[in-house]
């Protein structure tokens, strides 16, 4: 996946980044292990200068943020770059996090905005998302595997053709199992708008799929 976030943080000590990264040799005696802290405590620790706390935040959220980015851009290299950019921006903007939503929701918001900007400027080239890890090749013929991959590629391409808000809503609802309220917080819209976007996204997706015969 993406390079270690410690590598990314080391770049942020450059002039103009507004942060200097320090790697203490270890936690002080009697200190609470960072991995056991909840997210508000991790944010506080990071703002107090312990950037190891942000490494813990990255470790907790990097897989879901990577998968979010992949669902938008459809290939592993761009998804890795975008996921890293999400955490770089989150680190730089951590002082703006007010805690009115969960840290997860805030990270998703950064990720969705970055992804929508990216897909608005370039075509999406899709790759399979490690599908073969979940396939029992002993009971699936080569023809069945090819057909399954073709179907998955067509569905990804169909999702990529949806309008921006519909696409974001569908990805968050279907692939990340988000409730409508959280999606509304991520997208900065109302629950009613989220429900409408999801309804229209499914209808548009169904129309595209109906015109394709397997």
N, C-alpha and C. Protein backbone atom coordinates (compact mmCIF):
# COMPACT_ATOMS: atom_id res chain seq x y z
N UNK A 1 0.85 -1.18 0.00
CA UNK A 1 0.00 0.00 0.00
C UNK A 1 0.89 1.23 0.00
N UNK A 2 0.46 2.31 0.65
CA UNK A 2 1.25 3.53 0.66
C UNK A 2 2.47 3.37 1.54
N UNK A 3 3.50 4.21 1.32
CA UNK A 3 4.67 4.17 2.20
C UNK A 3 4.27 4.47 3.63
N UNK A 4 5.17 4.11 4.57
CA UNK A 4 4.92 4.38 5.97
C UNK A 4 4.62 5.84 6.19
N UNK A 5 3.63 6.11 7.07
CA UNK A 5 3.27 7.51 7.31
C UNK A 5 4.39 8.25 8.02
N UNK A 6 5.26 7.52 8.73
CA UNK A 6 6.39 8.17 9.37
C UNK A 6 7.26 8.87 8.32
N UNK A 7 7.36 8.26 7.14
CA UNK A 7 8.10 8.88 6.04
C UNK A 7 7.42 10.17 5.61
N UNK A 8 6.10 10.16 5.54
CA UNK A 8 5.36 11.35 5.15
C UNK A 8 5.54 12.46 6.17
N UNK A 9 5.43 12.10 7.45
CA UNK A 9 5.56 13.11 8.49
C UNK A 9 6.93 13.76 8.48
N UNK A 10 7.95 13.01 8.07
CA UNK A 10 9.29 13.59 8.07
C UNK A 10 9.39 14.75 7.11
N UNK A 11 8.55 14.74 6.04
CA UNK A 11 8.55 15.84 5.09
C UNK A 11 7.92 17.09 5.67
N UNK A 12 7.15 16.93 6.73
CA UNK A 12 6.38 18.05 7.23
C UNK A 12 7.18 18.94 8.16
N UNK A 13 8.44 18.60 8.37
CA UNK A 13 9.31 19.50 9.11
C UNK A 13 9.97 20.51 8.20
N UNK A 14 9.67 20.44 6.86
CA UNK A 14 10.24 21.39 5.92
C UNK A 14 9.63 22.77 6.14
N UNK A 15 10.33 23.85 5.75
CA UNK A 15 9.80 25.20 5.94
C UNK A 15 8.43 25.38 5.32
N UNK A 16 7.55 26.05 6.05
CA UNK A 16 6.22 26.35 5.52
C UNK A 16 5.16 25.35 5.90
N UNK A 17 5.56 24.21 6.43
CA UNK A 17 4.58 23.19 6.78
C UNK A 17 3.96 23.45 8.15
N UNK A 18 4.61 24.24 8.97
CA UNK A 18 4.01 24.60 10.25
C UNK A 18 4.05 23.51 11.28
N UNK A 19 4.91 22.51 11.08
CA UNK A 19 5.02 21.45 12.07
C UNK A 19 6.43 20.88 12.03
N UNK A 20 6.92 20.50 13.17
CA UNK A 20 8.22 19.86 13.24
C UNK A 20 8.01 18.50 13.86
N UNK A 21 8.44 17.48 13.14
CA UNK A 21 8.19 16.12 13.59
C UNK A 21 9.35 15.64 14.44
N UNK A 22 9.01 15.11 15.60
CA UNK A 22 10.00 14.60 16.51
C UNK A 22 9.64 13.16 16.84
N UNK A 23 10.60 12.29 16.86
CA UNK A 23 10.35 10.90 17.20
C UNK A 23 11.00 10.58 18.54
N UNK A 24 10.26 10.70 19.64
CA UNK A 24 10.85 10.39 20.94
C UNK A 24 11.29 8.94 20.99
N UNK A 25 12.24 8.67 21.85
CA UNK A 25 12.78 7.31 21.91
C UNK A 25 11.80 6.31 22.50
N UNK A 26 10.87 6.77 23.29
CA UNK A 26 9.90 5.84 23.87
C UNK A 26 8.97 6.59 24.77
N UNK A 27 7.92 5.92 25.24
CA UNK A 27 6.95 6.56 26.11
C UNK A 27 7.51 6.67 27.52
N UNK A 28 7.12 7.74 28.19
CA UNK A 28 7.61 7.96 29.55
C UNK A 28 7.08 6.88 30.47
N UNK A 29 7.87 6.61 31.50
CA UNK A 29 7.45 5.59 32.47
C UNK A 29 6.13 5.99 33.10
N UNK A 30 5.21 5.05 33.15
CA UNK A 30 3.92 5.30 33.77
C UNK A 30 2.91 5.95 32.83
N UNK A 31 3.34 6.31 31.61
CA UNK A 31 2.43 6.94 30.66
C UNK A 31 1.45 5.91 30.11
N UNK A 32 0.26 6.37 29.78
CA UNK A 32 -0.73 5.48 29.17
C UNK A 32 -0.30 5.16 27.75
N UNK A 33 -0.24 3.88 27.34
CA UNK A 33 0.15 3.53 25.97
C UNK A 33 -0.76 4.23 24.97
N UNK A 34 -0.16 4.80 23.95
CA UNK A 34 -0.94 5.56 22.97
C UNK A 34 -2.02 4.71 22.31
N UNK A 35 -1.70 3.45 22.05
CA UNK A 35 -2.65 2.58 21.35
C UNK A 35 -3.94 2.37 22.14
N UNK A 36 -3.90 2.62 23.46
CA UNK A 36 -5.09 2.40 24.28
C UNK A 36 -5.94 3.67 24.42
N UNK A 37 -5.46 4.79 23.88
CA UNK A 37 -6.20 6.04 24.01
C UNK A 37 -7.37 6.10 23.04
N UNK A 38 -8.44 6.81 23.44
CA UNK A 38 -9.53 7.05 22.50
C UNK A 38 -9.12 8.20 21.58
N UNK A 39 -9.97 8.46 20.58
CA UNK A 39 -9.55 9.42 19.54
C UNK A 39 -9.42 10.85 20.04
N UNK A 40 -10.32 11.36 20.90
CA UNK A 40 -10.09 12.71 21.42
C UNK A 40 -8.76 12.84 22.16
N UNK A 41 -8.39 11.79 22.91
CA UNK A 41 -7.12 11.82 23.64
C UNK A 41 -5.94 11.77 22.68
N UNK A 42 -6.08 11.00 21.59
CA UNK A 42 -5.02 10.95 20.59
C UNK A 42 -4.85 12.30 19.91
N UNK A 43 -5.96 12.96 19.60
CA UNK A 43 -5.89 14.29 18.99
C UNK A 43 -5.19 15.25 19.93
N UNK A 44 -5.57 15.22 21.21
CA UNK A 44 -4.93 16.10 22.19
C UNK A 44 -3.44 15.83 22.29
N UNK A 45 -3.07 14.54 22.29
CA UNK A 45 -1.65 14.19 22.38
C UNK A 45 -0.87 14.68 21.17
N UNK A 46 -1.48 14.54 20.00
CA UNK A 46 -0.83 15.00 18.77
C UNK A 46 -0.66 16.51 18.79
N UNK A 47 -1.69 17.24 19.19
CA UNK A 47 -1.61 18.70 19.25
C UNK A 47 -0.61 19.17 20.30
N UNK A 48 -0.37 18.31 21.31
CA UNK A 48 0.61 18.64 22.33
C UNK A 48 2.04 18.36 21.87
N UNK A 49 2.17 17.80 20.66
CA UNK A 49 3.51 17.60 20.11
C UNK A 49 3.95 16.16 19.95
N UNK A 50 3.14 15.21 20.38
CA UNK A 50 3.52 13.80 20.26
C UNK A 50 2.96 13.25 18.95
N UNK A 51 3.75 13.32 17.89
CA UNK A 51 3.26 12.91 16.57
C UNK A 51 3.07 11.40 16.46
N UNK A 52 3.61 10.63 17.44
CA UNK A 52 3.33 9.19 17.44
C UNK A 52 1.83 8.95 17.60
N UNK A 53 1.14 9.86 18.25
CA UNK A 53 -0.31 9.71 18.42
C UNK A 53 -1.01 9.73 17.06
N UNK A 54 -0.49 10.55 16.14
CA UNK A 54 -1.12 10.57 14.82
C UNK A 54 -0.83 9.29 14.05
N UNK A 55 0.34 8.69 14.30
CA UNK A 55 0.61 7.38 13.69
C UNK A 55 -0.44 6.35 14.10
N UNK A 56 -0.88 6.43 15.37
CA UNK A 56 -1.93 5.52 15.84
C UNK A 56 -3.24 5.80 15.11
N UNK A 57 -3.55 7.08 14.91
CA UNK A 57 -4.77 7.44 14.17
C UNK A 57 -4.70 6.88 12.75
N UNK A 58 -3.55 7.03 12.11
CA UNK A 58 -3.38 6.50 10.75
C UNK A 58 -3.58 5.00 10.74
N UNK A 59 -2.96 4.32 11.70
CA UNK A 59 -3.06 2.86 11.75
C UNK A 59 -4.51 2.41 11.90
N UNK A 60 -5.31 3.15 12.66
CA UNK A 60 -6.71 2.76 12.87
C UNK A 60 -7.58 2.99 11.63
N UNK A 61 -7.22 3.99 10.84
CA UNK A 61 -8.14 4.41 9.77
C UNK A 61 -7.60 4.20 8.35
N UNK A 62 -6.36 3.78 8.20
CA UNK A 62 -5.77 3.80 6.86
C UNK A 62 -6.45 2.83 5.90
N UNK A 63 -6.88 1.68 6.39
CA UNK A 63 -7.50 0.72 5.47
C UNK A 63 -8.81 1.27 4.91
N UNK A 64 -9.66 1.80 5.77
CA UNK A 64 -10.95 2.32 5.29
C UNK A 64 -10.76 3.54 4.39
N UNK A 65 -9.78 4.39 4.69
CA UNK A 65 -9.55 5.55 3.84
C UNK A 65 -8.98 5.10 2.50
N UNK A 66 -8.09 4.12 2.52
CA UNK A 66 -7.58 3.58 1.25
C UNK A 66 -8.70 3.00 0.41
N UNK A 67 -9.57 2.20 1.02
CA UNK A 67 -10.68 1.59 0.28
C UNK A 67 -11.62 2.65 -0.26
N UNK A 68 -11.88 3.70 0.53
CA UNK A 68 -12.70 4.81 0.04
C UNK A 68 -12.09 5.40 -1.22
N UNK A 69 -10.80 5.69 -1.17
CA UNK A 69 -10.13 6.29 -2.33
C UNK A 69 -10.15 5.34 -3.53
N UNK A 70 -9.94 4.06 -3.26
CA UNK A 70 -9.96 3.10 -4.36
C UNK A 70 -11.32 3.07 -5.05
N UNK A 71 -12.39 3.14 -4.27
CA UNK A 71 -13.73 3.09 -4.87
C UNK A 71 -13.98 4.27 -5.80
N UNK A 72 -13.29 5.37 -5.56
CA UNK A 72 -13.45 6.53 -6.43
C UNK A 72 -12.55 6.46 -7.66
N UNK A 73 -11.30 6.10 -7.48
CA UNK A 73 -10.35 6.22 -8.59
C UNK A 73 -10.11 4.91 -9.32
N UNK A 74 -10.41 3.78 -8.66
CA UNK A 74 -10.40 2.50 -9.36
C UNK A 74 -9.05 1.89 -9.63
N UNK A 75 -7.97 2.44 -9.09
CA UNK A 75 -6.67 1.78 -9.26
C UNK A 75 -5.82 2.01 -8.00
N UNK A 76 -4.92 1.07 -7.79
CA UNK A 76 -4.22 1.02 -6.50
C UNK A 76 -3.22 2.17 -6.32
N UNK A 77 -2.50 2.52 -7.38
CA UNK A 77 -1.50 3.58 -7.24
C UNK A 77 -2.13 4.91 -6.85
N UNK A 78 -3.17 5.32 -7.59
CA UNK A 78 -3.84 6.58 -7.27
C UNK A 78 -4.50 6.53 -5.90
N UNK A 79 -5.07 5.37 -5.56
CA UNK A 79 -5.72 5.24 -4.25
C UNK A 79 -4.70 5.39 -3.12
N UNK A 80 -3.52 4.82 -3.29
CA UNK A 80 -2.48 4.95 -2.27
C UNK A 80 -2.04 6.40 -2.13
N UNK A 81 -1.85 7.07 -3.28
CA UNK A 81 -1.43 8.48 -3.23
C UNK A 81 -2.49 9.34 -2.55
N UNK A 82 -3.75 9.11 -2.91
CA UNK A 82 -4.83 9.90 -2.32
C UNK A 82 -4.97 9.64 -0.83
N UNK A 83 -4.88 8.38 -0.43
CA UNK A 83 -5.00 8.04 0.99
C UNK A 83 -3.91 8.73 1.79
N UNK A 84 -2.69 8.73 1.26
CA UNK A 84 -1.62 9.42 1.97
C UNK A 84 -1.88 10.91 2.04
N UNK A 85 -2.41 11.48 0.96
CA UNK A 85 -2.72 12.91 0.94
C UNK A 85 -3.79 13.25 1.97
N UNK A 86 -4.76 12.34 2.14
CA UNK A 86 -5.80 12.56 3.16
C UNK A 86 -5.16 12.74 4.53
N UNK A 87 -4.23 11.85 4.88
CA UNK A 87 -3.63 11.92 6.21
C UNK A 87 -2.67 13.10 6.35
N UNK A 88 -1.99 13.46 5.29
CA UNK A 88 -1.15 14.65 5.34
C UNK A 88 -2.00 15.88 5.61
N UNK A 89 -3.12 16.01 4.89
CA UNK A 89 -4.00 17.16 5.10
C UNK A 89 -4.64 17.13 6.49
N UNK A 90 -4.98 15.94 6.94
CA UNK A 90 -5.56 15.84 8.28
C UNK A 90 -4.54 16.27 9.34
N UNK A 91 -3.30 15.85 9.18
CA UNK A 91 -2.26 16.23 10.14
C UNK A 91 -2.07 17.74 10.17
N UNK A 92 -2.01 18.33 8.98
CA UNK A 92 -1.81 19.77 8.90
C UNK A 92 -3.00 20.55 9.43
N UNK A 93 -4.19 19.98 9.29
CA UNK A 93 -5.39 20.70 9.70
C UNK A 93 -5.99 20.23 11.00
N UNK A 94 -5.22 19.47 11.78
CA UNK A 94 -5.78 18.86 12.99
C UNK A 94 -6.30 19.90 13.98
N UNK A 95 -5.69 21.06 14.01
CA UNK A 95 -6.16 22.10 14.94
C UNK A 95 -7.54 22.63 14.57
N UNK A 96 -7.98 22.37 13.34
CA UNK A 96 -9.32 22.82 12.93
C UNK A 96 -10.39 21.80 13.28
N UNK A 97 -9.98 20.60 13.74
CA UNK A 97 -10.95 19.57 14.11
C UNK A 97 -11.60 19.95 15.44
N UNK A 98 -12.91 20.18 15.40
CA UNK A 98 -13.63 20.67 16.59
C UNK A 98 -14.31 19.57 17.38
N UNK A 99 -14.34 18.36 16.85
CA UNK A 99 -14.97 17.27 17.57
C UNK A 99 -16.48 17.25 17.48
N UNK A 100 -17.05 18.06 16.58
CA UNK A 100 -18.51 18.05 16.44
C UNK A 100 -18.99 16.78 15.75
N UNK A 101 -18.11 16.15 14.99
CA UNK A 101 -18.37 14.83 14.42
C UNK A 101 -17.24 13.92 14.87
N UNK A 102 -17.35 12.64 14.58
CA UNK A 102 -16.27 11.73 14.95
C UNK A 102 -15.05 12.00 14.07
N UNK A 103 -13.89 11.58 14.54
CA UNK A 103 -12.68 11.74 13.75
C UNK A 103 -12.79 10.97 12.44
N UNK A 104 -13.42 9.81 12.50
CA UNK A 104 -13.63 9.00 11.30
C UNK A 104 -14.43 9.78 10.25
N UNK A 105 -15.51 10.42 10.68
CA UNK A 105 -16.34 11.20 9.76
C UNK A 105 -15.53 12.34 9.16
N UNK A 106 -14.72 13.00 9.97
CA UNK A 106 -13.88 14.10 9.50
C UNK A 106 -12.89 13.62 8.44
N UNK A 107 -12.27 12.46 8.68
CA UNK A 107 -11.32 11.90 7.71
C UNK A 107 -12.03 11.51 6.42
N UNK A 108 -13.21 10.92 6.54
CA UNK A 108 -14.00 10.59 5.35
C UNK A 108 -14.32 11.86 4.56
N UNK A 109 -14.64 12.94 5.26
CA UNK A 109 -14.98 14.20 4.58
C UNK A 109 -13.80 14.70 3.76
N UNK A 110 -12.61 14.66 4.36
CA UNK A 110 -11.40 15.06 3.63
C UNK A 110 -11.20 14.14 2.44
N UNK A 111 -11.37 12.85 2.66
CA UNK A 111 -11.16 11.87 1.59
C UNK A 111 -12.13 12.05 0.43
N UNK A 112 -13.41 12.22 0.73
CA UNK A 112 -14.40 12.38 -0.33
C UNK A 112 -14.11 13.64 -1.15
N UNK A 113 -13.79 14.74 -0.47
CA UNK A 113 -13.50 15.98 -1.20
C UNK A 113 -12.29 15.83 -2.11
N UNK A 114 -11.23 15.19 -1.61
CA UNK A 114 -10.05 14.96 -2.44
C UNK A 114 -10.37 14.07 -3.63
N UNK A 115 -11.13 13.01 -3.37
CA UNK A 115 -11.46 12.07 -4.45
C UNK A 115 -12.35 12.71 -5.51
N UNK A 116 -13.33 13.48 -5.09
CA UNK A 116 -14.21 14.14 -6.06
C UNK A 116 -13.42 15.13 -6.92
N UNK A 117 -12.47 15.81 -6.31
CA UNK A 117 -11.63 16.71 -7.09
C UNK A 117 -10.76 15.94 -8.08
N UNK A 118 -10.25 14.79 -7.64
CA UNK A 118 -9.39 13.99 -8.52
C UNK A 118 -10.18 13.41 -9.70
N UNK A 119 -11.33 12.81 -9.42
CA UNK A 119 -12.08 12.18 -10.52
C UNK A 119 -12.70 13.21 -11.43
N UNK A 120 -12.80 14.45 -10.97
CA UNK A 120 -13.32 15.50 -11.83
C UNK A 120 -12.32 15.98 -12.85
N UNK A 121 -11.03 15.58 -12.70
CA UNK A 121 -10.00 16.08 -13.59
C UNK A 121 -9.35 15.00 -14.43
N UNK A 122 -9.72 13.74 -14.21
CA UNK A 122 -9.10 12.68 -15.01
C UNK A 122 -10.05 11.49 -15.14
N UNK A 123 -9.81 10.68 -16.16
CA UNK A 123 -10.62 9.48 -16.37
C UNK A 123 -10.23 8.42 -15.35
N UNK A 124 -11.17 7.55 -15.03
CA UNK A 124 -10.93 6.49 -14.06
C UNK A 124 -10.51 5.21 -14.77
N UNK A 125 -9.34 4.69 -14.40
CA UNK A 125 -8.88 3.41 -14.93
C UNK A 125 -9.01 2.39 -13.81
N UNK A 126 -9.89 1.42 -13.97
CA UNK A 126 -10.21 0.53 -12.86
C UNK A 126 -9.35 -0.72 -12.86
N UNK A 127 -9.04 -1.18 -11.66
CA UNK A 127 -8.34 -2.44 -11.43
C UNK A 127 -9.14 -3.21 -10.40
N UNK A 128 -9.05 -4.55 -10.41
CA UNK A 128 -9.78 -5.33 -9.39
C UNK A 128 -9.21 -5.09 -8.01
N UNK A 129 -10.07 -5.10 -7.00
CA UNK A 129 -9.67 -4.85 -5.62
C UNK A 129 -9.43 -6.18 -4.92
N UNK A 130 -8.34 -6.83 -5.25
CA UNK A 130 -7.94 -8.08 -4.60
C UNK A 130 -9.10 -9.07 -4.55
N UNK A 131 -9.86 -9.16 -5.65
CA UNK A 131 -11.04 -10.03 -5.64
C UNK A 131 -10.67 -11.50 -5.47
N UNK A 132 -9.51 -11.87 -5.99
CA UNK A 132 -9.16 -13.29 -5.99
C UNK A 132 -8.90 -13.81 -4.58
N UNK A 133 -8.64 -12.91 -3.62
CA UNK A 133 -8.46 -13.37 -2.25
C UNK A 133 -9.72 -14.02 -1.71
N UNK A 134 -10.86 -13.64 -2.23
CA UNK A 134 -12.15 -14.08 -1.70
C UNK A 134 -12.80 -15.13 -2.60
N UNK A 135 -12.05 -15.67 -3.56
CA UNK A 135 -12.61 -16.63 -4.51
C UNK A 135 -12.04 -18.01 -4.23
N UNK A 136 -12.92 -18.99 -4.15
CA UNK A 136 -12.49 -20.38 -4.02
C UNK A 136 -12.26 -20.93 -5.41
N UNK A 137 -11.00 -20.89 -5.87
CA UNK A 137 -10.70 -21.28 -7.25
C UNK A 137 -10.93 -22.77 -7.48
N UNK A 138 -11.05 -23.54 -6.40
CA UNK A 138 -11.27 -24.98 -6.56
C UNK A 138 -12.68 -25.28 -7.08
N UNK A 139 -13.63 -24.37 -6.83
CA UNK A 139 -15.00 -24.62 -7.25
C UNK A 139 -15.46 -23.63 -8.32
N UNK A 140 -14.55 -22.77 -8.78
CA UNK A 140 -14.92 -21.78 -9.79
C UNK A 140 -14.09 -22.01 -11.04
N UNK A 141 -14.77 -22.21 -12.17
CA UNK A 141 -14.08 -22.49 -13.42
C UNK A 141 -13.42 -21.22 -13.95
N UNK A 142 -12.43 -21.37 -14.85
CA UNK A 142 -11.81 -20.18 -15.46
C UNK A 142 -12.83 -19.29 -16.16
N UNK A 143 -13.80 -19.88 -16.84
CA UNK A 143 -14.83 -19.08 -17.53
C UNK A 143 -15.66 -18.28 -16.53
N UNK A 144 -15.99 -18.91 -15.40
CA UNK A 144 -16.77 -18.22 -14.37
C UNK A 144 -15.98 -17.07 -13.77
N UNK A 145 -14.68 -17.27 -13.57
CA UNK A 145 -13.85 -16.20 -13.01
C UNK A 145 -13.77 -15.01 -13.96
N UNK A 146 -13.60 -15.30 -15.25
CA UNK A 146 -13.53 -14.22 -16.25
C UNK A 146 -14.84 -13.45 -16.28
N UNK A 147 -15.96 -14.17 -16.28
CA UNK A 147 -17.27 -13.51 -16.32
C UNK A 147 -17.49 -12.66 -15.07
N UNK A 148 -17.09 -13.18 -13.92
CA UNK A 148 -17.23 -12.43 -12.68
C UNK A 148 -16.41 -11.15 -12.71
N UNK A 149 -15.18 -11.24 -13.22
CA UNK A 149 -14.33 -10.06 -13.32
C UNK A 149 -14.89 -9.04 -14.29
N UNK A 150 -15.47 -9.51 -15.40
CA UNK A 150 -16.08 -8.60 -16.37
C UNK A 150 -17.27 -7.87 -15.75
N UNK A 151 -18.07 -8.60 -15.01
CA UNK A 151 -19.23 -7.98 -14.36
C UNK A 151 -18.78 -6.93 -13.35
N UNK A 152 -17.78 -7.29 -12.54
CA UNK A 152 -17.29 -6.35 -11.53
C UNK A 152 -16.73 -5.10 -12.19
N UNK A 153 -16.00 -5.27 -13.29
CA UNK A 153 -15.43 -4.12 -13.99
C UNK A 153 -16.53 -3.24 -14.56
N UNK A 154 -17.60 -3.86 -15.07
CA UNK A 154 -18.69 -3.07 -15.65
C UNK A 154 -19.41 -2.28 -14.56
N UNK A 155 -19.62 -2.92 -13.40
CA UNK A 155 -20.28 -2.22 -12.30
C UNK A 155 -19.43 -1.04 -11.83
N UNK A 156 -18.12 -1.23 -11.72
CA UNK A 156 -17.24 -0.13 -11.30
C UNK A 156 -17.31 1.02 -12.30
N UNK A 157 -17.31 0.66 -13.59
CA UNK A 157 -17.38 1.70 -14.62
C UNK A 157 -18.72 2.43 -14.57
N UNK A 158 -19.80 1.69 -14.30
CA UNK A 158 -21.12 2.31 -14.21
C UNK A 158 -21.20 3.27 -13.04
N UNK A 159 -20.63 2.87 -11.90
CA UNK A 159 -20.61 3.76 -10.73
C UNK A 159 -19.80 5.02 -11.04
N UNK A 160 -18.71 4.85 -11.80
CA UNK A 160 -17.86 6.00 -12.13
C UNK A 160 -18.59 7.02 -13.01
N UNK A 161 -19.65 6.59 -13.70
CA UNK A 161 -20.40 7.50 -14.57
C UNK A 161 -21.53 8.23 -13.84
N UNK A 162 -21.77 7.90 -12.59
CA UNK A 162 -22.82 8.57 -11.83
C UNK A 162 -22.42 10.02 -11.53
N UNK A 163 -23.40 10.91 -11.37
CA UNK A 163 -23.08 12.27 -10.92
C UNK A 163 -22.33 12.23 -9.59
N UNK A 164 -21.54 13.26 -9.33
CA UNK A 164 -20.62 13.27 -8.20
C UNK A 164 -21.27 12.94 -6.86
N UNK A 165 -22.33 13.65 -6.50
CA UNK A 165 -22.96 13.44 -5.19
C UNK A 165 -23.61 12.07 -5.11
N UNK A 166 -24.21 11.61 -6.21
CA UNK A 166 -24.80 10.27 -6.23
C UNK A 166 -23.73 9.20 -6.04
N UNK A 167 -22.62 9.40 -6.72
CA UNK A 167 -21.52 8.44 -6.63
C UNK A 167 -20.98 8.38 -5.20
N UNK A 168 -20.74 9.54 -4.61
CA UNK A 168 -20.23 9.58 -3.24
C UNK A 168 -21.21 8.92 -2.27
N UNK A 169 -22.49 9.23 -2.43
CA UNK A 169 -23.50 8.67 -1.54
C UNK A 169 -23.57 7.16 -1.65
N UNK A 170 -23.55 6.66 -2.89
CA UNK A 170 -23.63 5.22 -3.09
C UNK A 170 -22.42 4.51 -2.53
N UNK A 171 -21.23 5.05 -2.75
CA UNK A 171 -20.00 4.44 -2.24
C UNK A 171 -20.03 4.36 -0.71
N UNK A 172 -20.42 5.46 -0.07
CA UNK A 172 -20.45 5.48 1.40
C UNK A 172 -21.51 4.55 1.96
N UNK A 173 -22.66 4.50 1.30
CA UNK A 173 -23.78 3.69 1.81
C UNK A 173 -23.55 2.21 1.56
N UNK A 174 -23.14 1.85 0.35
CA UNK A 174 -23.04 0.44 -0.03
C UNK A 174 -21.72 -0.18 0.41
N UNK A 175 -20.61 0.48 0.12
CA UNK A 175 -19.31 -0.12 0.38
C UNK A 175 -18.79 0.14 1.80
N UNK A 176 -19.26 1.21 2.43
CA UNK A 176 -18.80 1.51 3.79
C UNK A 176 -19.91 1.38 4.83
N UNK A 177 -21.09 0.98 4.38
CA UNK A 177 -22.20 0.68 5.28
C UNK A 177 -22.49 1.83 6.24
N UNK A 178 -22.42 3.06 5.72
CA UNK A 178 -22.65 4.24 6.55
C UNK A 178 -24.14 4.53 6.67
N UNK A 179 -24.60 4.92 7.86
CA UNK A 179 -26.00 5.36 7.99
C UNK A 179 -26.17 6.71 7.31
N UNK A 180 -27.43 7.05 6.99
CA UNK A 180 -27.71 8.29 6.26
C UNK A 180 -27.22 9.52 7.02
N UNK A 181 -27.35 9.51 8.33
CA UNK A 181 -26.93 10.67 9.11
C UNK A 181 -25.43 10.94 8.97
N UNK A 182 -24.63 9.87 9.04
CA UNK A 182 -23.19 10.06 8.92
C UNK A 182 -22.81 10.50 7.51
N UNK A 183 -23.48 9.94 6.51
CA UNK A 183 -23.21 10.37 5.13
C UNK A 183 -23.51 11.86 4.98
N UNK A 184 -24.61 12.31 5.59
CA UNK A 184 -24.96 13.73 5.54
C UNK A 184 -23.86 14.57 6.17
N UNK A 185 -23.27 14.10 7.27
CA UNK A 185 -22.19 14.83 7.93
C UNK A 185 -20.94 14.86 7.06
N UNK A 186 -20.65 13.75 6.39
CA UNK A 186 -19.48 13.69 5.51
C UNK A 186 -19.65 14.64 4.32
N UNK A 187 -20.82 14.63 3.72
CA UNK A 187 -21.05 15.41 2.50
C UNK A 187 -21.51 16.84 2.77
N UNK A 188 -21.80 17.14 4.04
CA UNK A 188 -22.28 18.47 4.36
C UNK A 188 -23.65 18.76 3.79
N UNK A 189 -24.53 17.77 3.84
CA UNK A 189 -25.88 17.93 3.31
C UNK A 189 -26.90 17.42 4.33
N UNK A 190 -28.17 17.41 3.94
CA UNK A 190 -29.21 16.93 4.84
C UNK A 190 -29.44 15.43 4.64
N UNK A 191 -30.08 14.82 5.63
CA UNK A 191 -30.42 13.40 5.50
C UNK A 191 -31.38 13.20 4.33
N UNK A 192 -32.30 14.13 4.14
CA UNK A 192 -33.23 14.02 3.01
C UNK A 192 -32.51 14.03 1.68
N UNK A 193 -31.49 14.90 1.54
CA UNK A 193 -30.71 14.96 0.30
C UNK A 193 -29.93 13.67 0.09
N UNK A 194 -29.42 13.10 1.17
CA UNK A 194 -28.69 11.83 1.07
C UNK A 194 -29.60 10.72 0.57
N UNK A 195 -30.79 10.64 1.16
CA UNK A 195 -31.74 9.60 0.73
C UNK A 195 -32.13 9.77 -0.73
N UNK A 196 -32.34 11.03 -1.16
CA UNK A 196 -32.70 11.28 -2.55
C UNK A 196 -31.56 10.92 -3.49
N UNK A 197 -30.33 11.28 -3.11
CA UNK A 197 -29.17 10.95 -3.94
C UNK A 197 -28.98 9.44 -4.06
N UNK A 198 -29.20 8.73 -2.95
CA UNK A 198 -29.04 7.28 -2.98
C UNK A 198 -30.11 6.64 -3.87
N UNK A 199 -31.33 7.11 -3.76
CA UNK A 199 -32.42 6.60 -4.60
C UNK A 199 -32.09 6.81 -6.08
N UNK A 200 -31.66 8.01 -6.44
CA UNK A 200 -31.36 8.31 -7.84
C UNK A 200 -30.12 7.55 -8.31
N UNK A 201 -29.15 7.37 -7.43
CA UNK A 201 -27.96 6.60 -7.80
C UNK A 201 -28.32 5.17 -8.14
N UNK A 202 -29.16 4.54 -7.33
CA UNK A 202 -29.58 3.17 -7.60
C UNK A 202 -30.38 3.08 -8.89
N UNK A 203 -31.24 4.06 -9.11
CA UNK A 203 -32.04 4.06 -10.34
C UNK A 203 -31.15 4.22 -11.57
N UNK A 204 -30.19 5.13 -11.51
CA UNK A 204 -29.28 5.34 -12.64
C UNK A 204 -28.41 4.11 -12.88
N UNK A 205 -27.95 3.50 -11.79
CA UNK A 205 -27.13 2.31 -11.91
C UNK A 205 -27.93 1.16 -12.52
N UNK A 206 -29.18 1.02 -12.09
CA UNK A 206 -30.04 -0.03 -12.63
C UNK A 206 -30.26 0.16 -14.12
N UNK A 207 -30.46 1.40 -14.56
CA UNK A 207 -30.66 1.66 -15.99
C UNK A 207 -29.43 1.27 -16.80
N UNK A 208 -28.26 1.59 -16.26
CA UNK A 208 -27.04 1.24 -16.98
C UNK A 208 -26.86 -0.28 -17.08
N UNK A 209 -27.15 -0.98 -16.00
CA UNK A 209 -26.96 -2.42 -15.99
C UNK A 209 -27.99 -3.15 -16.84
N UNK A 210 -29.19 -2.59 -16.93
CA UNK A 210 -30.24 -3.24 -17.73
C UNK A 210 -29.89 -3.24 -19.21
N UNK A 211 -29.08 -2.30 -19.65
CA UNK A 211 -28.73 -2.20 -21.05
C UNK A 211 -27.54 -3.06 -21.42
N UNK A 212 -27.05 -3.83 -20.45
CA UNK A 212 -25.90 -4.69 -20.71
C UNK A 212 -26.31 -6.13 -20.49
N UNK A 213 -26.06 -6.96 -21.47
CA UNK A 213 -26.39 -8.39 -21.36
C UNK A 213 -25.10 -9.17 -21.11
N UNK A 214 -25.17 -10.07 -20.11
CA UNK A 214 -23.98 -10.86 -19.76
C UNK A 214 -23.93 -12.11 -20.61
